[in-house]
Amino acid sequence: MSNLKSKNIKLGIRSEFIKIAKNQSDNLIDVNVQKVEDFGNYKLITARMDNFEIKSKVNREIEISVEKIKLHIPAEKCCIYENNKLI
């Protein structure tokens, strides 16, 4: 990433790849749960970390009863964008 020329950098990841942390020790973020929506086949967690809104699509069987959770963001599922172009 040292060859980036712009400060307009974005991280992209699909919501189904962001999971509630279990045994992971890296790529964790602390978030505050804002709401949990049940869509029948899955639940959609909307959470905040500072000024960022993060959505996580999880199995509908998972109970989410706390306001603060840790989410795991797998690096291999992330895409980096520079000036809105995938790099």
PDB file of N, CA and C in Angstrom:
ATOM      1  N   MET A   1       0.814  -1.192   0.000  1.00  0.00           N
ATOM      2  CA  MET A   1       0.000   0.000   0.000  1.00  0.00           C
ATOM      3  C   MET A   1       0.858   1.256   0.000  1.00  0.00           C
ATOM      4  N   SER A   2       2.137   1.125   0.063  1.00  0.00           N
ATOM      5  CA  SER A   2       2.994   2.304   0.099  1.00  0.00           C
ATOM      6  C   SER A   2       3.017   3.040  -1.236  1.00  0.00           C
ATOM      7  N   ASN A   3       2.498   2.421  -2.292  1.00  0.00           N
ATOM      8  CA  ASN A   3       2.500   3.081  -3.595  1.00  0.00           C
ATOM      9  C   ASN A   3       1.202   3.835  -3.876  1.00  0.00           C
ATOM     10  N   LEU A   4       0.378   4.067  -2.854  1.00  0.00           N
ATOM     11  CA  LEU A   4      -0.852   4.826  -3.039  1.00  0.00           C
ATOM     12  C   LEU A   4      -0.524   6.295  -3.243  1.00  0.00           C
ATOM     13  N   LYS A   5      -1.193   6.915  -4.200  1.00  0.00           N
ATOM     14  CA  LYS A   5      -0.911   8.303  -4.541  1.00  0.00           C
ATOM     15  C   LYS A   5      -1.991   9.253  -4.039  1.00  0.00           C
ATOM     16  N   SER A   6      -3.107   8.714  -3.592  1.00  0.00           N
ATOM     17  CA  SER A   6      -4.235   9.539  -3.190  1.00  0.00           C
ATOM     18  C   SER A   6      -4.587   9.300  -1.726  1.00  0.00           C
ATOM     19  N   LYS A   7      -5.269  10.264  -1.140  1.00  0.00           N
ATOM     20  CA  LYS A   7      -5.802  10.081   0.208  1.00  0.00           C
ATOM     21  C   LYS A   7      -7.255   9.643   0.161  1.00  0.00           C
ATOM     22  N   ASN A   8      -7.809   9.499  -1.050  1.00  0.00           N
ATOM     23  CA  ASN A   8      -9.183   9.054  -1.226  1.00  0.00           C
ATOM     24  C   ASN A   8      -9.193   7.526  -1.295  1.00  0.00           C
ATOM     25  N   ILE A   9      -9.067   6.893  -0.132  1.00  0.00           N
ATOM     26  CA  ILE A   9      -8.972   5.436  -0.018  1.00  0.00           C
ATOM     27  C   ILE A   9     -10.223   4.918   0.683  1.00  0.00           C
ATOM     28  N   LYS A  10     -10.798   3.848   0.165  1.00  0.00           N
ATOM     29  CA  LYS A  10     -11.978   3.232   0.773  1.00  0.00           C
ATOM     30  C   LYS A  10     -11.753   1.731   0.921  1.00  0.00           C
ATOM     31  N   LEU A  11     -12.327   1.191   1.980  1.00  0.00           N
ATOM     32  CA  LEU A  11     -12.296  -0.245   2.222  1.00  0.00           C
ATOM     33  C   LEU A  11     -13.687  -0.777   1.919  1.00  0.00           C
ATOM     34  N   GLY A  12     -13.768  -1.800   1.109  1.00  0.00           N
ATOM     35  CA  GLY A  12     -15.054  -2.406   0.775  1.00  0.00           C
ATOM     36  C   GLY A  12     -15.090  -3.856   1.201  1.00  0.00           C
ATOM     37  N   ILE A  13     -16.211  -4.257   1.783  1.00  0.00           N
ATOM     38  CA  ILE A  13     -16.421  -5.658   2.149  1.00  0.00           C
ATOM     39  C   ILE A  13     -17.922  -5.908   2.185  1.00  0.00           C
ATOM     40  N   ARG A  14     -18.334  -7.060   1.733  1.00  0.00           N
ATOM     41  CA  ARG A  14     -19.755  -7.411   1.742  1.00  0.00           C
ATOM     42  C   ARG A  14     -20.198  -7.723   3.176  1.00  0.00           C
ATOM     43  N   SER A  15     -21.426  -7.347   3.494  1.00  0.00           N
ATOM     44  CA  SER A  15     -21.932  -7.484   4.868  1.00  0.00           C
ATOM     45  C   SER A  15     -21.963  -8.930   5.353  1.00  0.00           C
ATOM     46  N   GLU A  16     -22.109  -9.890   4.463  1.00  0.00           N
ATOM     47  CA  GLU A  16     -22.149 -11.293   4.900  1.00  0.00           C
ATOM     48  C   GLU A  16     -20.785 -11.832   5.322  1.00  0.00           C
ATOM     49  N   PHE A  17     -19.712 -11.129   4.991  1.00  0.00           N
ATOM     50  CA  PHE A  17     -18.369 -11.551   5.406  1.00  0.00           C
ATOM     51  C   PHE A  17     -17.984 -11.002   6.778  1.00  0.00           C
ATOM     52  N   ILE A  18     -18.698 -10.000   7.267  1.00  0.00           N
ATOM     53  CA  ILE A  18     -18.421  -9.421   8.585  1.00  0.00           C
ATOM     54  C   ILE A  18     -19.216 -10.218   9.612  1.00  0.00           C
ATOM     55  N   LYS A  19     -18.526 -10.854  10.542  1.00  0.00           N
ATOM     56  CA  LYS A  19     -19.176 -11.732  11.516  1.00  0.00           C
ATOM     57  C   LYS A  19     -18.887 -11.277  12.943  1.00  0.00           C
ATOM     58  N   ILE A  20     -19.746 -11.701  13.851  1.00  0.00           N
ATOM     59  CA  ILE A  20     -19.484 -11.463  15.263  1.00  0.00           C
ATOM     60  C   ILE A  20     -18.269 -12.296  15.647  1.00  0.00           C
ATOM     61  N   ALA A  21     -17.292 -11.663  16.291  1.00  0.00           N
ATOM     62  CA  ALA A  21     -16.035 -12.332  16.636  1.00  0.00           C
ATOM     63  C   ALA A  21     -16.286 -13.436  17.648  1.00  0.00           C
ATOM     64  N   LYS A  22     -15.591 -14.544  17.436  1.00  0.00           N
ATOM     65  CA  LYS A  22     -15.657 -15.664  18.381  1.00  0.00           C
ATOM     66  C   LYS A  22     -14.253 -15.934  18.890  1.00  0.00           C
ATOM     67  N   ASN A  23     -13.478 -16.690  18.128  1.00  0.00           N
ATOM     68  CA  ASN A  23     -12.131 -17.053  18.554  1.00  0.00           C
ATOM     69  C   ASN A  23     -11.044 -16.282  17.817  1.00  0.00           C
ATOM     70  N   GLN A  24     -11.425 -15.349  16.969  1.00  0.00           N
ATOM     71  CA  GLN A  24     -10.442 -14.598  16.200  1.00  0.00           C
ATOM     72  C   GLN A  24      -9.680 -13.639  17.112  1.00  0.00           C
ATOM     73  N   SER A  25      -8.432 -13.392  16.744  1.00  0.00           N
ATOM     74  CA  SER A  25      -7.623 -12.462  17.547  1.00  0.00           C
ATOM     75  C   SER A  25      -7.123 -11.278  16.717  1.00  0.00           C
ATOM     76  N   ASP A  26      -7.379 -11.299  15.417  1.00  0.00           N
ATOM     77  CA  ASP A  26      -6.931 -10.183  14.583  1.00  0.00           C
ATOM     78  C   ASP A  26      -8.098  -9.647  13.755  1.00  0.00           C
ATOM     79  N   ASN A  27      -7.919  -8.448  13.230  1.00  0.00           N
ATOM     80  CA  ASN A  27      -8.915  -7.778  12.399  1.00  0.00           C
ATOM     81  C   ASN A  27     -10.260  -7.638  13.114  1.00  0.00           C
ATOM     82  N   LEU A  28     -10.202  -7.270  14.394  1.00  0.00           N
ATOM     83  CA  LEU A  28     -11.406  -7.078  15.193  1.00  0.00           C
ATOM     84  C   LEU A  28     -11.678  -5.596  15.375  1.00  0.00           C
ATOM     85  N   ILE A  29     -12.951  -5.245  15.385  1.00  0.00           N
ATOM     86  CA  ILE A  29     -13.327  -3.871  15.696  1.00  0.00           C
ATOM     87  C   ILE A  29     -14.429  -3.898  16.760  1.00  0.00           C
ATOM     88  N   ASP A  30     -14.365  -2.958  17.683  1.00  0.00           N
ATOM     89  CA  ASP A  30     -15.399  -2.789  18.694  1.00  0.00           C
ATOM     90  C   ASP A  30     -16.470  -1.875  18.128  1.00  0.00           C
ATOM     91  N   VAL A  31     -17.725  -2.313  18.209  1.00  0.00           N
ATOM     92  CA  VAL A  31     -18.819  -1.517  17.664  1.00  0.00           C
ATOM     93  C   VAL A  31     -19.965  -1.431  18.672  1.00  0.00           C
ATOM     94  N   ASN A  32     -20.788  -0.435  18.489  1.00  0.00           N
ATOM     95  CA  ASN A  32     -22.020  -0.282  19.260  1.00  0.00           C
ATOM     96  C   ASN A  32     -23.183  -0.669  18.363  1.00  0.00           C
ATOM     97  N   VAL A  33     -23.966  -1.647  18.796  1.00  0.00           N
ATOM     98  CA  VAL A  33     -25.108  -2.104  18.014  1.00  0.00           C
ATOM     99  C   VAL A  33     -26.197  -1.037  18.057  1.00  0.00           C
ATOM    100  N   GLN A  34     -26.647  -0.614  16.894  1.00  0.00           N
ATOM    101  CA  GLN A  34     -27.709   0.375  16.776  1.00  0.00           C
ATOM    102  C   GLN A  34     -29.074  -0.295  16.624  1.00  0.00           C
ATOM    103  N   LYS A  35     -29.130  -1.317  15.757  1.00  0.00           N
ATOM    104  CA  LYS A  35     -30.377  -2.060  15.595  1.00  0.00           C
ATOM    105  C   LYS A  35     -30.092  -3.425  14.982  1.00  0.00           C
ATOM    106  N   VAL A  36     -31.038  -4.334  15.204  1.00  0.00           N
ATOM    107  CA  VAL A  36     -30.980  -5.673  14.625  1.00  0.00           C
ATOM    108  C   VAL A  36     -32.315  -5.913  13.933  1.00  0.00           C
ATOM    109  N   GLU A  37     -32.235  -6.212  12.637  1.00  0.00           N
ATOM    110  CA  GLU A  37     -33.445  -6.465  11.859  1.00  0.00           C
ATOM    111  C   GLU A  37     -33.502  -7.932  11.477  1.00  0.00           C
ATOM    112  N   ASP A  38     -34.656  -8.567  11.666  1.00  0.00           N
ATOM    113  CA  ASP A  38     -34.845  -9.973  11.314  1.00  0.00           C
ATOM    114  C   ASP A  38     -35.542 -10.029   9.959  1.00  0.00           C
ATOM    115  N   PHE A  39     -34.845 -10.590   8.953  1.00  0.00           N
ATOM    116  CA  PHE A  39     -35.390 -10.700   7.605  1.00  0.00           C
ATOM    117  C   PHE A  39     -35.834 -12.123   7.278  1.00  0.00           C
ATOM    118  N   GLY A  40     -36.035 -12.934   8.301  1.00  0.00           N
ATOM    119  CA  GLY A  40     -36.495 -14.303   8.084  1.00  0.00           C
ATOM    120  C   GLY A  40     -35.352 -15.276   7.912  1.00  0.00           C
ATOM    121  N   ASN A  41     -34.618 -15.177   6.804  1.00  0.00           N
ATOM    122  CA  ASN A  41     -33.495 -16.074   6.556  1.00  0.00           C
ATOM    123  C   ASN A  41     -32.212 -15.622   7.242  1.00  0.00           C
ATOM    124  N   TYR A  42     -32.138 -14.367   7.625  1.00  0.00           N
ATOM    125  CA  TYR A  42     -30.947 -13.812   8.261  1.00  0.00           C
ATOM    126  C   TYR A  42     -31.319 -12.587   9.084  1.00  0.00           C
ATOM    127  N   LYS A  43     -30.373 -12.148   9.909  1.00  0.00           N
ATOM    128  CA  LYS A  43     -30.520 -10.898  10.654  1.00  0.00           C
ATOM    129  C   LYS A  43     -29.492  -9.922  10.110  1.00  0.00           C
ATOM    130  N   LEU A  44     -29.854  -8.655  10.107  1.00  0.00           N
ATOM    131  CA  LEU A  44     -28.942  -7.608   9.678  1.00  0.00           C
ATOM    132  C   LEU A  44     -28.660  -6.715  10.878  1.00  0.00           C
ATOM    133  N   ILE A  45     -27.386  -6.699  11.284  1.00  0.00           N
ATOM    134  CA  ILE A  45     -26.955  -5.865  12.400  1.00  0.00           C
ATOM    135  C   ILE A  45     -26.467  -4.543  11.816  1.00  0.00           C
ATOM    136  N   THR A  46     -26.956  -3.449  12.346  1.00  0.00           N
ATOM    137  CA  THR A  46     -26.428  -2.130  12.010  1.00  0.00           C
ATOM    138  C   THR A  46     -25.696  -1.643  13.243  1.00  0.00           C
ATOM    139  N   ALA A  47     -24.407  -1.349  13.087  1.00  0.00           N
ATOM    140  CA  ALA A  47     -23.572  -0.945  14.209  1.00  0.00           C
ATOM    141  C   ALA A  47     -22.769   0.289  13.831  1.00  0.00           C
ATOM    142  N   ARG A  48     -22.206   0.930  14.839  1.00  0.00           N
ATOM    143  CA  ARG A  48     -21.383   2.132  14.614  1.00  0.00           C
ATOM    144  C   ARG A  48     -20.043   1.974  15.299  1.00  0.00           C
ATOM    145  N   MET A  49     -19.028   2.458  14.606  1.00  0.00           N
ATOM    146  CA  MET A  49     -17.693   2.596  15.158  1.00  0.00           C
ATOM    147  C   MET A  49     -17.267   4.019  14.819  1.00  0.00           C
ATOM    148  N   ASP A  50     -17.193   4.862  15.840  1.00  0.00           N
ATOM    149  CA  ASP A  50     -16.926   6.284  15.624  1.00  0.00           C
ATOM    150  C   ASP A  50     -17.967   6.838  14.644  1.00  0.00           C
ATOM    151  N   ASN A  51     -17.528   7.360  13.511  1.00  0.00           N
ATOM    152  CA  ASN A  51     -18.462   7.929  12.528  1.00  0.00           C
ATOM    153  C   ASN A  51     -18.824   6.956  11.413  1.00  0.00           C
ATOM    154  N   PHE A  52     -18.427   5.700  11.552  1.00  0.00           N
ATOM    155  CA  PHE A  52     -18.669   4.712  10.502  1.00  0.00           C
ATOM    156  C   PHE A  52     -19.850   3.825  10.852  1.00  0.00           C
ATOM    157  N   GLU A  53     -20.733   3.622   9.875  1.00  0.00           N
ATOM    158  CA  GLU A  53     -21.816   2.665  10.029  1.00  0.00           C
ATOM    159  C   GLU A  53     -21.377   1.362   9.376  1.00  0.00           C
ATOM    160  N   ILE A  54     -21.588   0.262  10.094  1.00  0.00           N
ATOM    161  CA  ILE A  54     -21.167  -1.052   9.614  1.00  0.00           C
ATOM    162  C   ILE A  54     -22.366  -1.983   9.689  1.00  0.00           C
ATOM    163  N   LYS A  55     -22.586  -2.725   8.612  1.00  0.00           N
ATOM    164  CA  LYS A  55     -23.684  -3.684   8.591  1.00  0.00           C
ATOM    165  C   LYS A  55     -23.111  -5.088   8.483  1.00  0.00           C
ATOM    166  N   SER A  56     -23.708  -5.985   9.250  1.00  0.00           N
ATOM    167  CA  SER A  56     -23.274  -7.378   9.252  1.00  0.00           C
ATOM    168  C   SER A  56     -24.495  -8.277   9.080  1.00  0.00           C
ATOM    169  N   LYS A  57     -24.435  -9.143   8.086  1.00  0.00           N
ATOM    170  CA  LYS A  57     -25.517 -10.085   7.810  1.00  0.00           C
ATOM    171  C   LYS A  57     -25.149 -11.406   8.496  1.00  0.00           C
ATOM    172  N   VAL A  58     -25.967 -11.825   9.488  1.00  0.00           N
ATOM    173  CA  VAL A  58     -25.640 -13.015  10.283  1.00  0.00           C
ATOM    174  C   VAL A  58     -26.786 -14.009  10.264  1.00  0.00           C
ATOM    175  N   ASN A  59     -26.473 -15.216  10.670  1.00  0.00           N
ATOM    176  CA  ASN A  59     -27.456 -16.288  10.778  1.00  0.00           C
ATOM    177  C   ASN A  59     -28.583 -15.848  11.700  1.00  0.00           C
ATOM    178  N   ARG A  60     -29.796 -16.141  11.327  1.00  0.00           N
ATOM    179  CA  ARG A  60     -30.946 -15.688  12.118  1.00  0.00           C
ATOM    180  C   ARG A  60     -31.028 -16.341  13.482  1.00  0.00           C
ATOM    181  N   GLU A  61     -30.319 -17.443  13.700  1.00  0.00           N
ATOM    182  CA  GLU A  61     -30.338 -18.138  14.989  1.00  0.00           C
ATOM    183  C   GLU A  61     -29.482 -17.435  16.041  1.00  0.00           C
ATOM    184  N   ILE A  62     -28.610 -16.548  15.622  1.00  0.00           N
ATOM    185  CA  ILE A  62     -27.703 -15.872  16.547  1.00  0.00           C
ATOM    186  C   ILE A  62     -28.468 -14.849  17.371  1.00  0.00           C
ATOM    187  N   GLU A  63     -28.291 -14.914  18.694  1.00  0.00           N
ATOM    188  CA  GLU A  63     -28.901 -13.933  19.587  1.00  0.00           C
ATOM    189  C   GLU A  63     -27.964 -12.745  19.734  1.00  0.00           C
ATOM    190  N   ILE A  64     -28.478 -11.565  19.569  1.00  0.00           N
ATOM    191  CA  ILE A  64     -27.704 -10.334  19.732  1.00  0.00           C
ATOM    192  C   ILE A  64     -28.439  -9.504  20.778  1.00  0.00           C
ATOM    193  N   SER A  65     -27.976  -9.606  22.012  1.00  0.00           N
ATOM    194  CA  SER A  65     -28.697  -8.944  23.089  1.00  0.00           C
ATOM    195  C   SER A  65     -27.866  -7.871  23.783  1.00  0.00           C
ATOM    196  N   VAL A  66     -26.688  -7.617  23.276  1.00  0.00           N
ATOM    197  CA  VAL A  66     -25.815  -6.633  23.921  1.00  0.00           C
ATOM    198  C   VAL A  66     -25.655  -5.408  23.019  1.00  0.00           C
ATOM    199  N   GLU A  67     -25.279  -4.320  23.626  1.00  0.00           N
ATOM    200  CA  GLU A  67     -25.085  -3.099  22.851  1.00  0.00           C
ATOM    201  C   GLU A  67     -23.711  -3.028  22.210  1.00  0.00           C
ATOM    202  N   LYS A  68     -22.711  -3.629  22.852  1.00  0.00           N
ATOM    203  CA  LYS A  68     -21.342  -3.595  22.324  1.00  0.00           C
ATOM    204  C   LYS A  68     -20.920  -5.009  21.953  1.00  0.00           C
ATOM    205  N   ILE A  69     -20.373  -5.126  20.749  1.00  0.00           N
ATOM    206  CA  ILE A  69     -19.855  -6.414  20.293  1.00  0.00           C
ATOM    207  C   ILE A  69     -18.557  -6.180  19.540  1.00  0.00           C
ATOM    208  N   LYS A  70     -17.845  -7.260  19.285  1.00  0.00           N
ATOM    209  CA  LYS A  70     -16.655  -7.216  18.446  1.00  0.00           C
ATOM    210  C   LYS A  70     -17.013  -7.890  17.125  1.00  0.00           C
ATOM    211  N   LEU A  71     -16.647  -7.225  16.032  1.00  0.00           N
ATOM    212  CA  LEU A  71     -16.856  -7.806  14.711  1.00  0.00           C
ATOM    213  C   LEU A  71     -15.510  -8.189  14.116  1.00  0.00           C
ATOM    214  N   HIS A  72     -15.499  -9.280  13.394  1.00  0.00           N
ATOM    215  CA  HIS A  72     -14.297  -9.754  12.703  1.00  0.00           C
ATOM    216  C   HIS A  72     -14.432  -9.406  11.222  1.00  0.00           C
ATOM    217  N   ILE A  73     -13.414  -8.732  10.703  1.00  0.00           N
ATOM    218  CA  ILE A  73     -13.382  -8.371   9.286  1.00  0.00           C
ATOM    219  C   ILE A  73     -12.223  -9.128   8.640  1.00  0.00           C
ATOM    220  N   PRO A  74     -12.515 -10.196   7.889  1.00  0.00           N
ATOM    221  CA  PRO A  74     -11.447 -10.985   7.282  1.00  0.00           C
ATOM    222  C   PRO A  74     -10.740 -10.219   6.163  1.00  0.00           C
ATOM    223  N   ALA A  75      -9.446 -10.071   6.294  1.00  0.00           N
ATOM    224  CA  ALA A  75      -8.657  -9.292   5.328  1.00  0.00           C
ATOM    225  C   ALA A  75      -8.788  -9.841   3.908  1.00  0.00           C
ATOM    226  N   GLU A  76      -8.881 -11.151   3.776  1.00  0.00           N
ATOM    227  CA  GLU A  76      -8.934 -11.752   2.439  1.00  0.00           C
ATOM    228  C   GLU A  76     -10.243 -11.447   1.707  1.00  0.00           C
ATOM    229  N   LYS A  77     -11.237 -10.939   2.399  1.00  0.00           N
ATOM    230  CA  LYS A  77     -12.521 -10.587   1.779  1.00  0.00           C
ATOM    231  C   LYS A  77     -12.644  -9.089   1.514  1.00  0.00           C
ATOM    232  N   CYS A  78     -11.625  -8.311   1.873  1.00  0.00           N
ATOM    233  CA  CYS A  78     -11.668  -6.856   1.717  1.00  0.00           C
ATOM    234  C   CYS A  78     -11.158  -6.431   0.346  1.00  0.00           C
ATOM    235  N   CYS A  79     -11.744  -5.360  -0.158  1.00  0.00           N
ATOM    236  CA  CYS A  79     -11.280  -4.733  -1.389  1.00  0.00           C
ATOM    237  C   CYS A  79     -10.852  -3.312  -1.048  1.00  0.00           C
ATOM    238  N   ILE A  80      -9.764  -2.854  -1.640  1.00  0.00           N
ATOM    239  CA  ILE A  80      -9.265  -1.501  -1.423  1.00  0.00           C
ATOM    240  C   ILE A  80      -9.517  -0.689  -2.692  1.00  0.00           C
ATOM    241  N   TYR A  81     -10.083   0.501  -2.499  1.00  0.00           N
ATOM    242  CA  TYR A  81     -10.380   1.384  -3.621  1.00  0.00           C
ATOM    243  C   TYR A  81      -9.599   2.674  -3.453  1.00  0.00           C
ATOM    244  N   GLU A  82      -8.960   3.129  -4.530  1.00  0.00           N
ATOM    245  CA  GLU A  82      -8.275   4.411  -4.559  1.00  0.00           C
ATOM    246  C   GLU A  82      -8.976   5.246  -5.617  1.00  0.00           C
ATOM    247  N   ASN A  83      -9.494   6.409  -5.212  1.00  0.00           N
ATOM    248  CA  ASN A  83     -10.252   7.261  -6.127  1.00  0.00           C
ATOM    249  C   ASN A  83     -11.374   6.470  -6.821  1.00  0.00           C
ATOM    250  N   ASN A  84     -12.065   5.657  -6.042  1.00  0.00           N
ATOM    251  CA  ASN A  84     -13.199   4.825  -6.488  1.00  0.00           C
ATOM    252  C   ASN A  84     -12.825   3.760  -7.517  1.00  0.00           C
ATOM    253  N   LYS A  85     -11.554   3.427  -7.643  1.00  0.00           N
ATOM    254  CA  LYS A  85     -11.110   2.344  -8.523  1.00  0.00           C
ATOM    255  C   LYS A  85     -10.491   1.240  -7.675  1.00  0.00           C
ATOM    256  N   LEU A  86     -10.898   0.007  -7.952  1.00  0.00           N
ATOM    257  CA  LEU A  86     -10.362  -1.140  -7.235  1.00  0.00           C
ATOM    258  C   LEU A  86      -8.878  -1.278  -7.513  1.00  0.00           C
ATOM    259  N   ILE A  87      -8.087  -1.413  -6.463  1.00  0.00           N
ATOM    260  CA  ILE A  87      -6.653  -1.613  -6.674  1.00  0.00           C
ATOM    261  C   ILE A  87      -6.213  -2.954  -6.128  1.00  0.00           C
TER     262      ILE A  87
END
